[in-house]
Protein backbone atom coordinates (compact mmCIF):
# COMPACT_ATOMS: atom_id res chain seq x y z
CA MET A 1 66.29 48.50 -130.44
CA SER A 2 69.45 48.85 -132.00
CA LYS A 3 72.97 48.10 -129.86
CA THR A 4 74.68 51.26 -130.12
CA ARG A 5 78.55 50.97 -129.53
CA SER A 6 79.74 54.13 -127.74
CA LYS A 7 83.42 54.97 -127.02
CA ARG A 8 84.21 55.00 -123.18
CA VAL A 9 87.48 56.80 -122.03
CA GLY A 10 88.43 55.37 -118.98
CA ILE A 11 89.41 57.68 -115.97
CA GLY A 12 93.11 59.88 -116.35
CA ALA A 13 92.87 58.73 -119.98
CA ARG A 14 94.73 61.14 -122.01
CA PRO A 15 92.91 63.02 -124.81
CA PRO A 16 94.66 62.43 -128.30
CA ALA A 17 97.72 64.65 -129.00
CA THR A 18 95.67 66.85 -131.23
CA TRP A 19 93.32 68.37 -129.01
CA ILE A 20 96.53 70.85 -127.92
CA ARG A 21 96.86 72.13 -131.58
CA GLN A 22 92.82 72.89 -131.75
CA GLY A 23 93.13 76.79 -130.88
CA ASP A 24 92.74 79.60 -132.82
CA ALA A 25 94.46 79.89 -136.51
CA ASP A 26 96.17 83.27 -135.00
CA ALA A 27 98.20 81.16 -132.62
CA LEU A 28 100.19 79.27 -135.42
CA GLN A 29 100.75 82.09 -137.17
CA LYS A 30 102.88 83.75 -134.64
CA GLY A 31 105.24 81.01 -134.57
CA ASP A 32 104.01 79.64 -131.40
CA LEU A 33 103.56 75.75 -132.57
CA TYR A 34 104.17 74.78 -129.04
CA THR A 35 103.85 76.54 -125.93
CA ALA A 36 103.80 75.73 -122.03
CA ARG A 37 101.66 76.94 -119.28
CA LEU A 38 102.87 78.74 -116.18
CA THR A 39 101.24 79.37 -112.75
CA LEU A 40 101.70 81.68 -111.02
CA ASP A 41 100.56 82.63 -107.27
CA ILE A 42 99.69 86.33 -106.60
CA THR A 43 97.97 88.50 -104.80
CA PRO A 44 94.22 89.40 -105.74
CA ALA A 45 95.17 93.43 -105.23
CA MET A 46 98.00 92.73 -108.37
CA ARG A 47 95.91 90.30 -110.05
CA ALA A 48 93.35 93.13 -110.45
CA ARG A 49 96.41 95.52 -111.27
CA ILE A 50 97.30 93.13 -114.02
CA LYS A 51 93.67 93.18 -115.54
CA ILE A 52 93.25 96.70 -115.55
CA SER A 53 96.83 97.38 -116.89
CA ALA A 54 95.73 95.22 -119.56
CA PHE A 55 92.44 96.76 -120.51
CA THR A 56 93.85 100.05 -120.78
CA ARG A 57 96.35 98.91 -123.24
CA GLY A 58 93.42 97.23 -125.11
CA VAL A 59 95.60 93.82 -124.51
CA THR A 60 94.76 90.44 -122.99
CA VAL A 61 96.35 89.81 -119.30
CA ALA A 62 98.43 86.91 -121.26
CA GLU A 63 99.43 88.96 -124.10
CA LEU A 64 100.35 91.82 -121.16
CA LEU A 65 102.46 89.51 -119.74
CA ARG A 66 103.74 87.70 -122.32
CA GLY A 67 105.52 90.54 -123.61
CA LEU A 68 106.76 91.60 -120.16
CA LEU A 69 108.39 88.06 -120.26
CA GLU A 70 109.81 88.31 -123.58
CA ARG A 71 111.29 91.82 -122.74
CA GLU A 72 112.90 90.42 -119.35
CA PHE A 73 114.08 87.29 -120.44
CA SER A 74 114.88 88.08 -124.24
CA GLU A 75 116.93 85.45 -125.91
CA ASN A 76 119.07 88.15 -127.74
CA ARG A 77 120.02 90.03 -123.84
CA MET A 78 123.57 89.23 -122.66
CA GLU A 79 122.63 88.83 -119.09
CA ASN A 80 120.65 85.49 -120.00
CA MET A 81 123.95 84.62 -121.96
CA PRO A 82 125.44 81.52 -120.70
């Protein structure tokens, strides 16, 4: 029998930082090197409307919502200036 040493990861151990950047290459080309996840509580009916809207436009839900948020909270909008 050969003794094989396995790497054990303890519960709650953090993965290496490189796992964040292992997405698809297109995401990195968009200039978004670092992103943050946002969680919202919405009704199932609103979720359905959002999904239908994204499907009819031919985009993902994430793309649809990013576009909406970018239009509303654009860095160039006067309302967002301090």
